[in-house]
N, C-alpha and C. Protein backbone atom coordinates (compact mmCIF):
# COMPACT_ATOMS: atom_id res chain seq x y z
N MET A 1 109.55 84.04 105.32
CA MET A 1 110.11 85.09 105.13
C MET A 1 110.83 85.69 103.83
N ARG A 2 110.86 84.75 102.71
CA ARG A 2 111.68 84.84 101.11
C ARG A 2 109.98 85.14 100.81
N ARG A 3 109.41 84.83 100.96
CA ARG A 3 107.28 85.62 100.08
C ARG A 3 107.25 86.63 100.50
N GLN A 4 107.40 87.36 101.38
CA GLN A 4 107.61 88.54 102.70
C GLN A 4 107.93 89.75 101.32
N ILE A 5 109.52 89.37 100.79
CA ILE A 5 110.19 89.90 100.24
C ILE A 5 109.82 89.86 98.76
N LEU A 6 110.03 88.56 97.93
CA LEU A 6 109.27 88.70 97.28
C LEU A 6 108.66 89.21 96.45
N VAL A 7 107.10 89.67 96.99
CA VAL A 7 105.87 89.18 96.81
C VAL A 7 106.04 91.30 96.24
N PRO A 8 106.79 92.14 97.00
CA PRO A 8 106.83 93.64 97.54
C PRO A 8 107.74 93.95 95.86
N ALA A 9 108.70 93.05 95.97
CA ALA A 9 109.81 92.87 95.29
C ALA A 9 109.13 93.31 93.70
N LEU A 10 108.05 91.89 93.56
CA LEU A 10 107.81 91.41 92.08
C LEU A 10 106.51 92.56 91.41
N SER A 11 105.71 93.12 92.55
CA SER A 11 104.78 94.22 92.55
C SER A 11 105.67 95.41 91.76
N LEU A 12 106.75 95.50 92.55
CA LEU A 12 107.71 97.00 92.49
C LEU A 12 107.97 96.96 90.17
N VAL A 13 108.57 95.78 91.00
CA VAL A 13 108.66 95.70 89.25
C VAL A 13 107.51 95.79 88.59
N LEU A 14 107.03 95.26 88.13
CA LEU A 14 105.16 95.02 87.56
C LEU A 14 104.85 96.50 87.24
N SER A 15 105.27 97.41 88.41
CA SER A 15 103.91 98.58 88.53
C SER A 15 105.69 99.33 87.37
N MET A 16 106.83 98.94 87.68
CA MET A 16 107.49 100.04 86.65
C MET A 16 107.50 99.51 85.55
N SER A 17 106.88 98.45 84.86
CA SER A 17 107.22 98.59 83.65
C SER A 17 106.08 98.77 83.10
N ALA A 18 104.68 98.80 84.05
CA ALA A 18 103.66 99.50 83.49
C ALA A 18 104.16 100.89 83.47
N ILE A 19 104.64 101.53 83.82
CA ILE A 19 104.67 103.10 84.02
C ILE A 19 105.83 103.03 82.48
N SER A 20 106.72 102.89 82.23
CA SER A 20 107.28 102.58 81.15
C SER A 20 106.80 102.61 79.92
N ALA A 21 105.60 101.50 79.63
CA ALA A 21 104.72 101.43 78.91
C ALA A 21 103.99 102.33 78.80
N ALA A 22 103.49 102.81 79.66
CA ALA A 22 102.17 104.33 79.32
C ALA A 22 102.97 104.79 78.95
N SER A 23 104.08 105.50 79.04
CA SER A 23 105.17 106.86 78.74
C SER A 23 105.49 106.22 77.59
N ALA A 24 105.26 105.61 76.75
CA ALA A 24 105.81 105.38 75.22
C ALA A 24 104.99 105.14 74.19
N HIS A 25 103.98 106.31 74.52
CA HIS A 25 102.91 106.35 73.68
C HIS A 25 102.99 107.69 73.21
N ALA A 26 102.48 108.85 72.11
CA ALA A 26 102.49 110.16 72.16
C ALA A 26 101.00 110.32 72.99
N HIS A 27 100.70 111.30 73.38
CA HIS A 27 99.38 111.63 74.40
C HIS A 27 99.61 112.79 73.35
N MET A 28 98.48 113.29 73.55
CA MET A 28 97.77 115.08 73.50
C MET A 28 98.05 115.72 74.64
N GLU A 29 98.80 116.22 74.76
CA GLU A 29 98.77 117.29 76.61
C GLU A 29 97.94 118.54 76.34
N THR A 30 98.48 119.73 75.01
CA THR A 30 97.40 120.41 75.09
C THR A 30 96.72 120.45 73.62
N SER A 31 95.67 121.78 73.79
CA SER A 31 95.00 121.84 71.85
C SER A 31 94.84 123.35 71.99
N SER A 32 94.72 123.45 70.76
CA SER A 32 94.52 125.38 70.14
C SER A 32 93.86 125.44 69.18
N PRO A 33 92.38 125.07 69.36
CA PRO A 33 91.88 125.73 70.61
C PRO A 33 91.76 124.79 71.56
N ALA A 34 91.72 125.20 73.00
CA ALA A 34 91.26 124.46 73.82
C ALA A 34 90.15 122.70 73.60
N ASP A 35 90.37 121.75 74.04
CA ASP A 35 89.49 120.79 74.20
C ASP A 35 87.87 121.63 74.66
N GLY A 36 86.85 121.98 73.83
CA GLY A 36 85.74 122.19 75.11
C GLY A 36 85.50 123.38 75.15
N ALA A 37 86.34 124.74 73.61
CA ALA A 37 86.68 126.19 74.22
C ALA A 37 85.24 126.46 73.09
N ARG A 38 84.85 127.96 73.35
CA ARG A 38 83.72 128.16 72.63
C ARG A 38 84.50 129.94 72.42
N LEU A 39 84.67 129.92 71.18
CA LEU A 39 85.59 130.68 70.05
C LEU A 39 84.54 131.90 69.58
N THR A 40 84.43 133.04 69.97
CA THR A 40 83.91 133.81 69.43
C THR A 40 84.34 134.25 68.06
N ALA A 41 85.74 133.67 66.82
CA ALA A 41 86.02 134.27 65.76
C ALA A 41 86.90 132.51 65.50
N SER A 42 85.89 132.49 64.20
CA SER A 42 87.81 131.27 63.46
C SER A 42 88.60 131.32 63.88
N PRO A 43 89.19 130.10 64.47
CA PRO A 43 90.17 129.81 64.42
C PRO A 43 91.08 130.24 63.35
N ASP A 44 92.49 130.51 63.45
CA ASP A 44 93.46 130.39 62.22
C ASP A 44 93.96 129.52 61.68
N LYS A 45 94.51 128.41 62.86
CA LYS A 45 95.85 127.78 63.12
C LYS A 45 94.88 126.51 63.97
N ILE A 46 95.25 125.66 63.70
CA ILE A 46 94.28 124.43 64.63
C ILE A 46 95.51 123.86 65.56
N ALA A 47 96.29 123.16 66.43
CA ALA A 47 96.98 122.62 66.78
C ALA A 47 97.25 121.40 67.94
N ILE A 48 97.89 120.54 68.05
CA ILE A 48 98.26 119.51 69.40
C ILE A 48 99.28 119.40 69.58
N GLU A 49 99.38 119.55 70.92
CA GLU A 49 100.60 119.52 71.07
C GLU A 49 101.48 118.04 71.86
N LEU A 50 101.83 117.34 71.69
CA LEU A 50 101.66 115.84 71.94
C LEU A 50 103.18 115.71 73.38
N SER A 51 102.77 114.24 73.49
CA SER A 51 103.80 114.57 74.43
C SER A 51 104.87 113.66 73.98
N GLU A 52 104.92 113.34 72.99
CA GLU A 52 106.20 112.89 72.35
C GLU A 52 106.60 113.53 71.02
N ALA A 53 107.99 113.13 70.12
CA ALA A 53 107.98 113.34 69.08
C ALA A 53 106.99 112.57 67.81
N VAL A 54 106.24 113.13 67.19
CA VAL A 54 106.23 112.23 65.70
C VAL A 54 106.34 112.26 64.30
N GLU A 55 106.47 110.92 63.56
CA GLU A 55 106.64 111.21 62.39
C GLU A 55 105.68 112.17 62.14
N PRO A 56 106.36 113.16 60.75
CA PRO A 56 105.16 113.93 59.98
C PRO A 56 104.27 113.17 59.05
N ALA A 57 104.77 112.08 58.30
CA ALA A 57 104.28 111.51 56.97
C ALA A 57 103.20 110.77 57.82
N PHE A 58 103.01 110.16 58.95
CA PHE A 58 101.94 109.31 59.59
C PHE A 58 101.10 109.70 60.43
N SER A 59 100.94 111.32 60.87
CA SER A 59 99.86 111.91 61.78
C SER A 59 99.34 112.89 60.73
N HIS A 60 97.82 113.16 60.99
CA HIS A 60 97.45 113.36 60.37
C HIS A 60 95.73 114.15 61.97
N LEU A 61 95.38 115.15 61.35
CA LEU A 61 94.66 115.82 61.69
C LEU A 61 92.75 115.63 60.91
N VAL A 62 92.00 115.46 61.11
CA VAL A 62 90.77 115.36 60.72
C VAL A 62 90.20 116.39 61.64
N LEU A 63 89.48 117.49 60.42
CA LEU A 63 88.30 118.33 61.38
C LEU A 63 86.78 118.22 60.59
N ARG A 64 85.60 117.92 61.68
CA ARG A 64 84.96 117.49 61.15
C ARG A 64 83.62 118.20 62.09
N SER A 65 82.83 118.77 61.04
CA SER A 65 81.10 119.71 61.69
C SER A 65 80.66 118.81 62.56
N SER A 66 79.77 119.61 62.54
CA SER A 66 78.76 118.71 64.15
C SER A 66 78.03 117.72 62.72
N ASP A 67 77.57 117.97 61.65
CA ASP A 67 76.82 117.08 60.63
C ASP A 67 77.83 115.50 60.28
N GLY A 68 78.87 115.51 60.76
CA GLY A 68 79.84 114.77 60.30
C GLY A 68 80.86 114.98 59.15
N ARG A 69 80.55 115.88 58.28
CA ARG A 69 81.47 116.42 57.22
C ARG A 69 82.47 116.89 57.57
N GLU A 70 83.98 116.52 56.33
CA GLU A 70 84.95 116.88 56.78
C GLU A 70 85.35 118.32 56.50
N VAL A 71 85.67 118.94 57.53
CA VAL A 71 86.33 120.45 57.11
C VAL A 71 87.92 120.36 56.48
N PRO A 72 87.62 120.87 55.40
CA PRO A 72 89.04 121.11 54.89
C PRO A 72 90.44 122.33 55.23
N LEU A 73 91.56 121.50 55.73
CA LEU A 73 92.24 121.72 56.01
C LEU A 73 93.28 122.35 55.47
N GLY A 74 94.74 123.05 55.70
CA GLY A 74 95.30 123.22 54.71
C GLY A 74 96.52 122.01 54.94
N PRO A 75 97.80 122.45 54.76
CA PRO A 75 99.26 120.91 54.87
C PRO A 75 99.18 120.88 56.48
N GLU A 76 99.66 119.79 56.72
CA GLU A 76 99.77 119.72 58.05
C GLU A 76 101.48 120.08 58.33
N THR A 77 101.81 120.85 59.30
CA THR A 77 102.76 120.63 59.89
C THR A 77 103.56 120.21 60.79
N VAL A 78 104.54 119.98 60.92
CA VAL A 78 104.77 119.78 62.88
C VAL A 78 105.85 120.45 63.35
N GLU A 79 105.61 121.05 63.85
CA GLU A 79 106.81 121.95 64.60
C GLU A 79 107.22 121.84 66.08
N ALA A 80 108.56 121.39 66.11
CA ALA A 80 109.14 121.11 67.54
C ALA A 80 109.27 119.84 67.49
N GLY A 81 108.78 119.09 66.39
CA GLY A 81 108.49 117.54 66.65
C GLY A 81 107.39 117.31 67.43
N LYS A 82 106.73 117.92 68.54
CA LYS A 82 105.57 117.71 69.50
C LYS A 82 104.52 118.21 68.97
N GLN A 83 104.43 118.94 67.76
CA GLN A 83 103.08 120.16 67.75
C GLN A 83 103.00 120.24 65.97
N LEU A 84 101.07 119.30 66.01
CA LEU A 84 100.74 119.34 65.21
C LEU A 84 99.88 120.20 64.41
N THR A 85 100.25 120.81 63.39
CA THR A 85 99.49 121.98 63.15
C THR A 85 98.47 122.15 61.72
N ALA A 86 97.36 122.41 61.69
CA ALA A 86 96.99 122.69 60.17
C ALA A 86 96.01 123.86 60.40
N SER A 87 95.90 124.50 59.41
CA SER A 87 94.63 126.23 59.05
C SER A 87 93.54 125.80 58.37
N PRO A 88 92.33 125.62 58.82
CA PRO A 88 91.46 125.89 57.72
C PRO A 88 91.67 126.39 56.97
N SER A 89 90.79 125.76 55.86
CA SER A 89 91.26 126.58 54.12
C SER A 89 90.17 127.89 53.96
N MET A 90 89.30 127.87 55.21
CA MET A 90 88.58 129.07 54.80
C MET A 90 88.09 129.07 56.23
N PRO A 91 87.39 130.33 56.83
CA PRO A 91 86.84 130.87 58.42
C PRO A 91 85.65 129.84 58.27
N LEU A 92 85.87 129.56 59.59
CA LEU A 92 84.91 128.02 59.81
C LEU A 92 83.18 129.15 60.22
N PRO A 93 82.55 128.35 59.68
CA PRO A 93 80.89 129.43 60.04
C PRO A 93 80.67 128.54 62.08
N CYS A 94 80.07 129.61 62.13
CA CYS A 94 79.02 128.84 63.30
C CYS A 94 78.66 127.50 63.91
N GLY A 95 79.12 126.65 64.88
CA GLY A 95 79.23 125.42 64.60
C GLY A 95 79.82 124.63 65.82
N HIS A 96 79.63 123.81 66.09
CA HIS A 96 79.96 122.64 66.48
C HIS A 96 80.86 121.65 65.70
N TYR A 97 83.00 121.40 66.56
CA TYR A 97 83.49 121.19 65.77
C TYR A 97 83.87 119.84 65.97
N THR A 98 84.51 119.04 65.92
CA THR A 98 85.28 117.94 66.56
C THR A 98 86.60 117.68 65.69
N LEU A 99 87.59 117.71 66.29
CA LEU A 99 88.97 117.69 65.91
C LEU A 99 89.27 116.03 66.05
N ASP A 100 89.94 115.00 65.06
CA ASP A 100 90.56 113.69 64.97
C ASP A 100 92.01 113.80 64.85
N TRP A 101 92.35 113.45 65.76
CA TRP A 101 93.48 113.21 65.24
C TRP A 101 94.58 111.69 65.55
N SER A 102 95.20 111.45 64.91
CA SER A 102 95.83 110.14 64.84
C SER A 102 97.87 110.74 64.16
N VAL A 103 98.18 109.74 65.19
CA VAL A 103 100.11 110.22 65.38
C VAL A 103 100.98 108.80 65.33
N LEU A 104 101.95 109.02 64.82
CA LEU A 104 102.87 108.03 64.85
C LEU A 104 103.95 108.35 65.55
N ALA A 105 104.14 107.99 66.98
CA ALA A 105 105.15 109.02 67.62
C ALA A 105 106.69 107.42 67.00
N VAL A 106 107.96 108.42 66.90
CA VAL A 106 108.79 108.58 66.25
C VAL A 106 109.32 106.82 66.79
N ASP A 107 108.69 106.63 68.51
CA ASP A 107 109.19 105.22 68.61
C ASP A 107 108.67 104.65 68.21
N GLY A 108 107.82 104.20 67.02
CA GLY A 108 106.66 103.15 66.21
C GLY A 108 105.37 103.26 67.23
N HIS A 109 105.08 103.53 67.93
CA HIS A 109 103.56 104.04 68.66
C HIS A 109 102.69 104.58 67.96
N ARG A 110 101.47 104.39 67.95
CA ARG A 110 100.53 104.42 67.23
C ARG A 110 99.43 105.01 68.11
N THR A 111 98.61 106.62 68.62
CA THR A 111 97.96 107.16 68.86
C THR A 111 96.92 108.04 68.76
N SER A 112 95.72 108.15 69.13
CA SER A 112 94.63 108.87 68.28
C SER A 112 93.96 109.41 69.19
N GLY A 113 92.97 110.22 68.53
CA GLY A 113 92.15 110.58 70.35
C GLY A 113 91.35 111.73 69.36
N SER A 114 90.16 112.61 70.03
CA SER A 114 89.77 113.67 69.17
C SER A 114 89.65 114.74 70.37
N MET A 115 89.04 115.77 70.29
CA MET A 115 88.58 117.04 70.86
C MET A 115 88.08 117.65 70.12
N ARG A 116 86.82 118.78 71.28
CA ARG A 116 85.85 119.55 70.29
C ARG A 116 86.27 121.08 70.84
N PHE A 117 85.19 121.72 70.06
CA PHE A 117 85.39 123.24 70.71
C PHE A 117 84.14 123.83 69.37
N GLU A 118 83.65 124.87 70.14
CA GLU A 118 82.49 125.86 68.99
C GLU A 118 82.63 126.97 68.48
N VAL A 119 82.30 127.21 67.70
CA VAL A 119 82.39 128.46 66.73
C VAL A 119 81.27 128.94 67.03
N LYS A 120 81.33 130.17 67.62
CA LYS A 120 80.12 130.97 68.04
C LYS A 120 79.88 132.81 68.18
N LEU A 121 80.05 132.94 66.71
CA LEU A 121 80.16 134.52 66.39
C LEU A 121 79.09 135.27 67.08
């Protein structure tokens, strides 16, 4: 009888620990342009919205063209604590682009990811 109570209780505690650990990292919730977007004009601004507030000095965006070359971006800013933005230094020509992001959440956890979009004029 004791085992019948102990096993479910232990399972509940472990699953709750996993949920709180997973929520302790900043993950991309949305992006502009959206991941996989096909744009008919160069974006004026590139932004990612995160699930948690980030440290501006340790959070970065890197834009790369399809041949892997880094595309210059203007200064990065953090808006409302959770949105990391930057603007391309010049209009983007037609092509495929990958945005790599790396952030440090205010709780000290580092996360990173990438998204892609295409400019097709």
